[in-house]
Amino acid sequence: MAMNLRLGPDAEAALRAEARRTGRSQQDILREAVGRYLGLLPSQVGDTDPLIAQGKVAPPRLPFRDVRPRLHLEPGESSLDLLERDDRV
């Protein structure tokens, strides 16, 4: 079945980022999500991220959000310039 789906800006950004990260198509990701939601596919957290399944990494507490940098460096300035001399490694 073919259909149109309108996503909000946050969902669109998250879908694009996940497609880039995994190398899968957006359509494939959405098909899997719908299948899991409807109970047609097993919903196992571990099958998508082995580190979560092994307990090495906790699953995200919040949904995806696109983080914008809050700090703008002047031309020629680096993040090391912002640290105190004692904090540098």
PDB file of N, CA and C in Angstrom:
ATOM      1  N   MET A   1       0.847  -1.173   0.000  1.00  0.00           N
ATOM      2  CA  MET A   1       0.000   0.000   0.000  1.00  0.00           C
ATOM      3  C   MET A   1       0.898   1.245   0.000  1.00  0.00           C
ATOM      4  N   ALA A   2       0.607   2.172  -0.843  1.00  0.00           N
ATOM      5  CA  ALA A   2       1.339   3.437  -0.891  1.00  0.00           C
ATOM      6  C   ALA A   2       0.535   4.493  -0.153  1.00  0.00           C
ATOM      7  N   MET A   3       1.256   5.389   0.553  1.00  0.00           N
ATOM      8  CA  MET A   3       0.565   6.458   1.273  1.00  0.00           C
ATOM      9  C   MET A   3       1.512   7.627   1.485  1.00  0.00           C
ATOM     10  N   ASN A   4       0.935   8.767   1.795  1.00  0.00           N
ATOM     11  CA  ASN A   4       1.727   9.944   2.168  1.00  0.00           C
ATOM     12  C   ASN A   4       1.726  10.057   3.682  1.00  0.00           C
ATOM     13  N   LEU A   5       2.834  10.508   4.229  1.00  0.00           N
ATOM     14  CA  LEU A   5       2.955  10.663   5.674  1.00  0.00           C
ATOM     15  C   LEU A   5       3.587  12.016   5.957  1.00  0.00           C
ATOM     16  N   ARG A   6       2.925  12.817   6.759  1.00  0.00           N
ATOM     17  CA  ARG A   6       3.464  14.122   7.121  1.00  0.00           C
ATOM     18  C   ARG A   6       4.048  14.015   8.531  1.00  0.00           C
ATOM     19  N   LEU A   7       5.328  14.346   8.638  1.00  0.00           N
ATOM     20  CA  LEU A   7       6.020  14.292   9.918  1.00  0.00           C
ATOM     21  C   LEU A   7       6.305  15.701  10.407  1.00  0.00           C
ATOM     22  N   GLY A   8       6.352  15.856  11.716  1.00  0.00           N
ATOM     23  CA  GLY A   8       6.766  17.125  12.301  1.00  0.00           C
ATOM     24  C   GLY A   8       8.262  17.319  12.089  1.00  0.00           C
ATOM     25  N   PRO A   9       8.743  18.530  12.284  1.00  0.00           N
ATOM     26  CA  PRO A   9      10.163  18.819  12.045  1.00  0.00           C
ATOM     27  C   PRO A   9      11.111  17.950  12.878  1.00  0.00           C
ATOM     28  N   ASP A  10      10.772  17.700  14.147  1.00  0.00           N
ATOM     29  CA  ASP A  10      11.644  16.878  14.996  1.00  0.00           C
ATOM     30  C   ASP A  10      11.691  15.434  14.507  1.00  0.00           C
ATOM     31  N   ALA A  11      10.530  14.888  14.147  1.00  0.00           N
ATOM     32  CA  ALA A  11      10.479  13.512  13.657  1.00  0.00           C
ATOM     33  C   ALA A  11      11.209  13.390  12.322  1.00  0.00           C
ATOM     34  N   GLU A  12      11.060  14.389  11.478  1.00  0.00           N
ATOM     35  CA  GLU A  12      11.746  14.377  10.187  1.00  0.00           C
ATOM     36  C   GLU A  12      13.264  14.391  10.376  1.00  0.00           C
ATOM     37  N   ALA A  13      13.739  15.248  11.264  1.00  0.00           N
ATOM     38  CA  ALA A  13      15.183  15.330  11.519  1.00  0.00           C
ATOM     39  C   ALA A  13      15.708  14.026  12.117  1.00  0.00           C
ATOM     40  N   ALA A  14      14.939  13.450  13.036  1.00  0.00           N
ATOM     41  CA  ALA A  14      15.358  12.193  13.659  1.00  0.00           C
ATOM     42  C   ALA A  14      15.392  11.062  12.638  1.00  0.00           C
ATOM     43  N   LEU A  15      14.405  11.019  11.760  1.00  0.00           N
ATOM     44  CA  LEU A  15      14.356   9.982  10.733  1.00  0.00           C
ATOM     45  C   LEU A  15      15.531  10.117   9.764  1.00  0.00           C
ATOM     46  N   ARG A  16      15.814  11.333   9.339  1.00  0.00           N
ATOM     47  CA  ARG A  16      16.957  11.557   8.444  1.00  0.00           C
ATOM     48  C   ARG A  16      18.268  11.163   9.113  1.00  0.00           C
ATOM     49  N   ALA A  17      18.423  11.542  10.383  1.00  0.00           N
ATOM     50  CA  ALA A  17      19.657  11.225  11.114  1.00  0.00           C
ATOM     51  C   ALA A  17      19.819   9.715  11.279  1.00  0.00           C
ATOM     52  N   GLU A  18      18.733   9.026  11.589  1.00  0.00           N
ATOM     53  CA  GLU A  18      18.809   7.563  11.758  1.00  0.00           C
ATOM     54  C   GLU A  18      19.118   6.876  10.438  1.00  0.00           C
ATOM     55  N   ALA A  19      18.555   7.366   9.353  1.00  0.00           N
ATOM     56  CA  ALA A  19      18.840   6.796   8.037  1.00  0.00           C
ATOM     57  C   ALA A  19      20.310   6.987   7.680  1.00  0.00           C
ATOM     58  N   ARG A  20      20.844   8.170   7.955  1.00  0.00           N
ATOM     59  CA  ARG A  20      22.277   8.426   7.712  1.00  0.00           C
ATOM     60  C   ARG A  20      23.148   7.541   8.587  1.00  0.00           C
ATOM     61  N   ARG A  21      22.770   7.450   9.870  1.00  0.00           N
ATOM     62  CA  ARG A  21      23.576   6.692  10.823  1.00  0.00           C
ATOM     63  C   ARG A  21      23.623   5.207  10.482  1.00  0.00           C
ATOM     64  N   THR A  22      22.493   4.653  10.079  1.00  0.00           N
ATOM     65  CA  THR A  22      22.409   3.211   9.842  1.00  0.00           C
ATOM     66  C   THR A  22      22.639   2.824   8.388  1.00  0.00           C
ATOM     67  N   GLY A  23      22.547   3.788   7.463  1.00  0.00           N
ATOM     68  CA  GLY A  23      22.678   3.459   6.050  1.00  0.00           C
ATOM     69  C   GLY A  23      21.425   2.818   5.476  1.00  0.00           C
ATOM     70  N   ARG A  24      20.344   2.855   6.217  1.00  0.00           N
ATOM     71  CA  ARG A  24      19.069   2.294   5.743  1.00  0.00           C
ATOM     72  C   ARG A  24      18.220   3.415   5.139  1.00  0.00           C
ATOM     73  N   SER A  25      17.243   3.024   4.332  1.00  0.00           N
ATOM     74  CA  SER A  25      16.354   4.034   3.760  1.00  0.00           C
ATOM     75  C   SER A  25      15.350   4.482   4.820  1.00  0.00           C
ATOM     76  N   GLN A  26      14.851   5.697   4.659  1.00  0.00           N
ATOM     77  CA  GLN A  26      13.828   6.201   5.572  1.00  0.00           C
ATOM     78  C   GLN A  26      12.584   5.318   5.499  1.00  0.00           C
ATOM     79  N   GLN A  27      12.258   4.871   4.311  1.00  0.00           N
ATOM     80  CA  GLN A  27      11.087   4.017   4.126  1.00  0.00           C
ATOM     81  C   GLN A  27      11.240   2.703   4.899  1.00  0.00           C
ATOM     82  N   ASP A  28      12.424   2.122   4.866  1.00  0.00           N
ATOM     83  CA  ASP A  28      12.669   0.871   5.582  1.00  0.00           C
ATOM     84  C   ASP A  28      12.533   1.071   7.087  1.00  0.00           C
ATOM     85  N   ILE A  29      13.055   2.183   7.589  1.00  0.00           N
ATOM     86  CA  ILE A  29      12.959   2.475   9.020  1.00  0.00           C
ATOM     87  C   ILE A  29      11.501   2.640   9.430  1.00  0.00           C
ATOM     88  N   LEU A  30      10.724   3.366   8.626  1.00  0.00           N
ATOM     89  CA  LEU A  30       9.303   3.561   8.937  1.00  0.00           C
ATOM     90  C   LEU A  30       8.517   2.257   8.859  1.00  0.00           C
ATOM     91  N   ARG A  31       8.811   1.422   7.852  1.00  0.00           N
ATOM     92  CA  ARG A  31       8.135   0.119   7.759  1.00  0.00           C
ATOM     93  C   ARG A  31       8.380  -0.709   9.019  1.00  0.00           C
ATOM     94  N   GLU A  32       9.638  -0.728   9.465  1.00  0.00           N
ATOM     95  CA  GLU A  32       9.966  -1.496  10.665  1.00  0.00           C
ATOM     96  C   GLU A  32       9.254  -0.922  11.897  1.00  0.00           C
ATOM     97  N   ALA A  33       9.236   0.408  12.021  1.00  0.00           N
ATOM     98  CA  ALA A  33       8.586   1.042  13.172  1.00  0.00           C
ATOM     99  C   ALA A  33       7.094   0.717  13.214  1.00  0.00           C
ATOM    100  N   VAL A  34       6.434   0.781  12.072  1.00  0.00           N
ATOM    101  CA  VAL A  34       4.998   0.463  12.018  1.00  0.00           C
ATOM    102  C   VAL A  34       4.789  -1.006  12.351  1.00  0.00           C
ATOM    103  N   GLY A  35       5.624  -1.879  11.805  1.00  0.00           N
ATOM    104  CA  GLY A  35       5.510  -3.303  12.099  1.00  0.00           C
ATOM    105  C   GLY A  35       5.672  -3.603  13.576  1.00  0.00           C
ATOM    106  N   ARG A  36       6.626  -2.959  14.214  1.00  0.00           N
ATOM    107  CA  ARG A  36       6.832  -3.166  15.660  1.00  0.00           C
ATOM    108  C   ARG A  36       5.647  -2.609  16.459  1.00  0.00           C
ATOM    109  N   TYR A  37       5.165  -1.438  16.071  1.00  0.00           N
ATOM    110  CA  TYR A  37       4.043  -0.816  16.778  1.00  0.00           C
ATOM    111  C   TYR A  37       2.789  -1.691  16.699  1.00  0.00           C
ATOM    112  N   LEU A  38       2.563  -2.293  15.550  1.00  0.00           N
ATOM    113  CA  LEU A  38       1.378  -3.128  15.354  1.00  0.00           C
ATOM    114  C   LEU A  38       1.574  -4.557  15.856  1.00  0.00           C
ATOM    115  N   GLY A  39       2.750  -4.865  16.364  1.00  0.00           N
ATOM    116  CA  GLY A  39       3.001  -6.201  16.898  1.00  0.00           C
ATOM    117  C   GLY A  39       3.313  -7.233  15.835  1.00  0.00           C
ATOM    118  N   LEU A  40       3.634  -6.790  14.633  1.00  0.00           N
ATOM    119  CA  LEU A  40       3.941  -7.722  13.552  1.00  0.00           C
ATOM    120  C   LEU A  40       5.407  -8.145  13.580  1.00  0.00           C
ATOM    121  N   LEU A  41       6.238  -7.372  14.276  1.00  0.00           N
ATOM    122  CA  LEU A  41       7.654  -7.680  14.441  1.00  0.00           C
ATOM    123  C   LEU A  41       7.971  -7.663  15.926  1.00  0.00           C
ATOM    124  N   PRO A  42       8.937  -8.460  16.364  1.00  0.00           N
ATOM    125  CA  PRO A  42       9.302  -8.416  17.784  1.00  0.00           C
ATOM    126  C   PRO A  42       9.909  -7.059  18.131  1.00  0.00           C
ATOM    127  N   SER A  43       9.547  -6.538  19.286  1.00  0.00           N
ATOM    128  CA  SER A  43      10.084  -5.243  19.707  1.00  0.00           C
ATOM    129  C   SER A  43      11.175  -5.471  20.733  1.00  0.00           C
ATOM    130  N   GLN A  44      12.365  -5.736  20.244  1.00  0.00           N
ATOM    131  CA  GLN A  44      13.510  -5.974  21.109  1.00  0.00           C
ATOM    132  C   GLN A  44      14.462  -4.806  20.971  1.00  0.00           C
ATOM    133  N   VAL A  45      14.788  -4.192  22.084  1.00  0.00           N
ATOM    134  CA  VAL A  45      15.716  -3.062  22.052  1.00  0.00           C
ATOM    135  C   VAL A  45      17.081  -3.546  21.608  1.00  0.00           C
ATOM    136  N   GLY A  46      17.473  -4.722  22.038  1.00  0.00           N
ATOM    137  CA  GLY A  46      18.814  -5.215  21.784  1.00  0.00           C
ATOM    138  C   GLY A  46      19.135  -5.509  20.339  1.00  0.00           C
ATOM    139  N   ASP A  47      18.138  -5.768  19.512  1.00  0.00           N
ATOM    140  CA  ASP A  47      18.452  -6.119  18.130  1.00  0.00           C
ATOM    141  C   ASP A  47      18.871  -4.907  17.302  1.00  0.00           C
ATOM    142  N   THR A  48      18.635  -3.701  17.799  1.00  0.00           N
ATOM    143  CA  THR A  48      19.053  -2.525  17.046  1.00  0.00           C
ATOM    144  C   THR A  48      20.373  -1.966  17.543  1.00  0.00           C
ATOM    145  N   ASP A  49      20.679  -2.160  18.808  1.00  0.00           N
ATOM    146  CA  ASP A  49      21.942  -1.652  19.341  1.00  0.00           C
ATOM    147  C   ASP A  49      22.523  -2.661  20.319  1.00  0.00           C
ATOM    148  N   PRO A  50      23.586  -3.347  19.916  1.00  0.00           N
ATOM    149  CA  PRO A  50      24.153  -4.380  20.779  1.00  0.00           C
ATOM    150  C   PRO A  50      24.686  -3.849  22.103  1.00  0.00           C
ATOM    151  N   LEU A  51      25.121  -2.588  22.159  1.00  0.00           N
ATOM    152  CA  LEU A  51      25.625  -2.040  23.422  1.00  0.00           C
ATOM    153  C   LEU A  51      24.509  -1.891  24.450  1.00  0.00           C
ATOM    154  N   ILE A  52      23.308  -1.552  23.994  1.00  0.00           N
ATOM    155  CA  ILE A  52      22.163  -1.473  24.913  1.00  0.00           C
ATOM    156  C   ILE A  52      21.812  -2.876  25.385  1.00  0.00           C
ATOM    157  N   ALA A  53      21.822  -3.841  24.467  1.00  0.00           N
ATOM    158  CA  ALA A  53      21.484  -5.219  24.824  1.00  0.00           C
ATOM    159  C   ALA A  53      22.469  -5.790  25.842  1.00  0.00           C
ATOM    160  N   GLN A  54      23.736  -5.412  25.744  1.00  0.00           N
ATOM    161  CA  GLN A  54      24.755  -5.907  26.670  1.00  0.00           C
ATOM    162  C   GLN A  54      24.752  -5.140  27.989  1.00  0.00           C
ATOM    163  N   GLY A  55      23.975  -4.093  28.088  1.00  0.00           N
ATOM    164  CA  GLY A  55      23.919  -3.306  29.308  1.00  0.00           C
ATOM    165  C   GLY A  55      25.073  -2.336  29.462  1.00  0.00           C
ATOM    166  N   LYS A  56      25.862  -2.152  28.413  1.00  0.00           N
ATOM    167  CA  LYS A  56      26.994  -1.228  28.493  1.00  0.00           C
ATOM    168  C   LYS A  56      26.561   0.223  28.329  1.00  0.00           C
ATOM    169  N   VAL A  57      25.441   0.428  27.644  1.00  0.00           N
ATOM    170  CA  VAL A  57      24.919   1.768  27.398  1.00  0.00           C
ATOM    171  C   VAL A  57      23.431   1.753  27.736  1.00  0.00           C
ATOM    172  N   ALA A  58      22.975   2.776  28.423  1.00  0.00           N
ATOM    173  CA  ALA A  58      21.551   2.869  28.739  1.00  0.00           C
ATOM    174  C   ALA A  58      20.788   3.400  27.531  1.00  0.00           C
ATOM    175  N   PRO A  59      19.551   2.937  27.336  1.00  0.00           N
ATOM    176  CA  PRO A  59      18.763   3.493  26.228  1.00  0.00           C
ATOM    177  C   PRO A  59      18.478   4.975  26.478  1.00  0.00           C
ATOM    178  N   PRO A  60      18.186   5.736  25.436  1.00  0.00           N
ATOM    179  CA  PRO A  60      17.957   7.173  25.613  1.00  0.00           C
ATOM    180  C   PRO A  60      16.742   7.439  26.493  1.00  0.00           C
ATOM    181  N   ARG A  61      16.863   8.460  27.335  1.00  0.00           N
ATOM    182  CA  ARG A  61      15.743   8.838  28.203  1.00  0.00           C
ATOM    183  C   ARG A  61      14.785   9.779  27.492  1.00  0.00           C
ATOM    184  N   LEU A  62      15.299  10.490  26.513  1.00  0.00           N
ATOM    185  CA  LEU A  62      14.490  11.441  25.752  1.00  0.00           C
ATOM    186  C   LEU A  62      14.547  11.071  24.280  1.00  0.00           C
ATOM    187  N   PRO A  63      13.517  11.385  23.511  1.00  0.00           N
ATOM    188  CA  PRO A  63      13.578  11.124  22.074  1.00  0.00           C
ATOM    189  C   PRO A  63      14.626  12.007  21.401  1.00  0.00           C
ATOM    190  N   PHE A  64      14.929  11.682  20.182  1.00  0.00           N
ATOM    191  CA  PHE A  64      15.926  12.443  19.424  1.00  0.00           C
ATOM    192  C   PHE A  64      15.562  13.911  19.370  1.00  0.00           C
ATOM    193  N   ARG A  65      16.555  14.761  19.503  1.00  0.00           N
ATOM    194  CA  ARG A  65      16.366  16.186  19.250  1.00  0.00           C
ATOM    195  C   ARG A  65      17.645  16.703  18.619  1.00  0.00           C
ATOM    196  N   ASP A  66      17.498  17.569  17.679  1.00  0.00           N
ATOM    197  CA  ASP A  66      18.632  18.132  16.973  1.00  0.00           C
ATOM    198  C   ASP A  66      19.231  19.227  17.841  1.00  0.00           C
ATOM    199  N   VAL A  67      20.457  19.040  18.253  1.00  0.00           N
ATOM    200  CA  VAL A  67      21.104  19.989  19.150  1.00  0.00           C
ATOM    201  C   VAL A  67      21.849  21.029  18.330  1.00  0.00           C
ATOM    202  N   ARG A  68      21.581  22.262  18.614  1.00  0.00           N
ATOM    203  CA  ARG A  68      22.241  23.375  17.937  1.00  0.00           C
ATOM    204  C   ARG A  68      23.364  23.891  18.839  1.00  0.00           C
ATOM    205  N   PRO A  69      24.512  24.207  18.285  1.00  0.00           N
ATOM    206  CA  PRO A  69      25.585  24.753  19.123  1.00  0.00           C
ATOM    207  C   PRO A  69      25.163  26.064  19.770  1.00  0.00           C
ATOM    208  N   ARG A  70      25.484  26.207  21.039  1.00  0.00           N
ATOM    209  CA  ARG A  70      25.133  27.431  21.756  1.00  0.00           C
ATOM    210  C   ARG A  70      26.296  28.413  21.796  1.00  0.00           C
ATOM    211  N   LEU A  71      27.481  27.925  21.531  1.00  0.00           N
ATOM    212  CA  LEU A  71      28.670  28.748  21.639  1.00  0.00           C
ATOM    213  C   LEU A  71      29.248  28.977  20.252  1.00  0.00           C
ATOM    214  N   HIS A  72      29.531  30.186  19.949  1.00  0.00           N
ATOM    215  CA  HIS A  72      30.135  30.514  18.663  1.00  0.00           C
ATOM    216  C   HIS A  72      31.527  31.078  18.916  1.00  0.00           C
ATOM    217  N   LEU A  73      32.510  30.440  18.340  1.00  0.00           N
ATOM    218  CA  LEU A  73      33.891  30.869  18.512  1.00  0.00           C
ATOM    219  C   LEU A  73      34.238  31.930  17.480  1.00  0.00           C
ATOM    220  N   GLU A  74      35.053  32.850  17.883  1.00  0.00           N
ATOM    221  CA  GLU A  74      35.539  33.871  16.972  1.00  0.00           C
ATOM    222  C   GLU A  74      36.512  33.236  15.985  1.00  0.00           C
ATOM    223  N   PRO A  75      36.686  33.803  14.808  1.00  0.00           N
ATOM    224  CA  PRO A  75      37.661  33.257  13.860  1.00  0.00           C
ATOM    225  C   PRO A  75      39.045  33.178  14.501  1.00  0.00           C
ATOM    226  N   GLY A  76      39.692  32.046  14.363  1.00  0.00           N
ATOM    227  CA  GLY A  76      41.016  31.842  14.936  1.00  0.00           C
ATOM    228  C   GLY A  76      41.002  31.374  16.376  1.00  0.00           C
ATOM    229  N   GLU A  77      39.841  31.321  17.014  1.00  0.00           N
ATOM    230  CA  GLU A  77      39.734  30.889  18.410  1.00  0.00           C
ATOM    231  C   GLU A  77      39.343  29.416  18.436  1.00  0.00           C
ATOM    232  N   SER A  78      39.913  28.651  19.352  1.00  0.00           N
ATOM    233  CA  SER A  78      39.564  27.231  19.473  1.00  0.00           C
ATOM    234  C   SER A  78      38.941  26.979  20.842  1.00  0.00           C
ATOM    235  N   SER A  79      38.354  25.830  21.020  1.00  0.00           N
ATOM    236  CA  SER A  79      37.741  25.507  22.301  1.00  0.00           C
ATOM    237  C   SER A  79      38.795  25.421  23.407  1.00  0.00           C
ATOM    238  N   LEU A  80      40.033  25.100  23.054  1.00  0.00           N
ATOM    239  CA  LEU A  80      41.105  25.070  24.055  1.00  0.00           C
ATOM    240  C   LEU A  80      41.358  26.453  24.635  1.00  0.00           C
ATOM    241  N   ASP A  81      41.132  27.483  23.834  1.00  0.00           N
ATOM    242  CA  ASP A  81      41.334  28.845  24.316  1.00  0.00           C
ATOM    243  C   ASP A  81      40.341  29.201  25.426  1.00  0.00           C
ATOM    244  N   LEU A  82      39.232  28.478  25.508  1.00  0.00           N
ATOM    245  CA  LEU A  82      38.207  28.763  26.511  1.00  0.00           C
ATOM    246  C   LEU A  82      38.524  28.131  27.857  1.00  0.00           C
ATOM    247  N   LEU A  83      39.407  27.142  27.875  1.00  0.00           N
ATOM    248  CA  LEU A  83      39.739  26.443  29.106  1.00  0.00           C
ATOM    249  C   LEU A  83      40.818  27.196  29.873  1.00  0.00           C
ATOM    250  N   GLU A  84      40.761  27.054  31.172  1.00  0.00           N
ATOM    251  CA  GLU A  84      41.841  27.585  31.990  1.00  0.00           C
ATOM    252  C   GLU A  84      43.096  26.784  31.702  1.00  0.00           C
ATOM    253  N   ARG A  85      44.208  27.376  31.876  1.00  0.00           N
ATOM    254  CA  ARG A  85      45.490  26.699  31.581  1.00  0.00           C
ATOM    255  C   ARG A  85      45.615  25.399  32.366  1.00  0.00           C
ATOM    256  N   ASP A  86      45.145  25.362  33.630  1.00  0.00           N
ATOM    257  CA  ASP A  86      45.256  24.171  34.473  1.00  0.00           C
ATOM    258  C   ASP A  86      44.355  23.035  33.977  1.00  0.00           C
ATOM    259  N   ASP A  87      43.303  23.361  33.223  1.00  0.00           N
ATOM    260  CA  ASP A  87      42.365  22.332  32.753  1.00  0.00           C
ATOM    261  C   ASP A  87      42.826  21.631  31.502  1.00  0.00           C
ATOM    262  N   ARG A  88      43.809  22.164  30.823  1.00  0.00           N
ATOM    263  CA  ARG A  88      44.244  21.568  29.573  1.00  0.00           C
ATOM    264  C   ARG A  88      44.962  20.256  29.835  1.00  0.00           C
ATOM    265  N   VAL A  89      44.762  19.354  28.918  1.00  0.00           N
ATOM    266  CA  VAL A  89      45.388  18.034  29.057  1.00  0.00           C
ATOM    267  C   VAL A  89      46.588  17.950  28.162  1.00  0.00           C
TER     268      VAL A  89
END
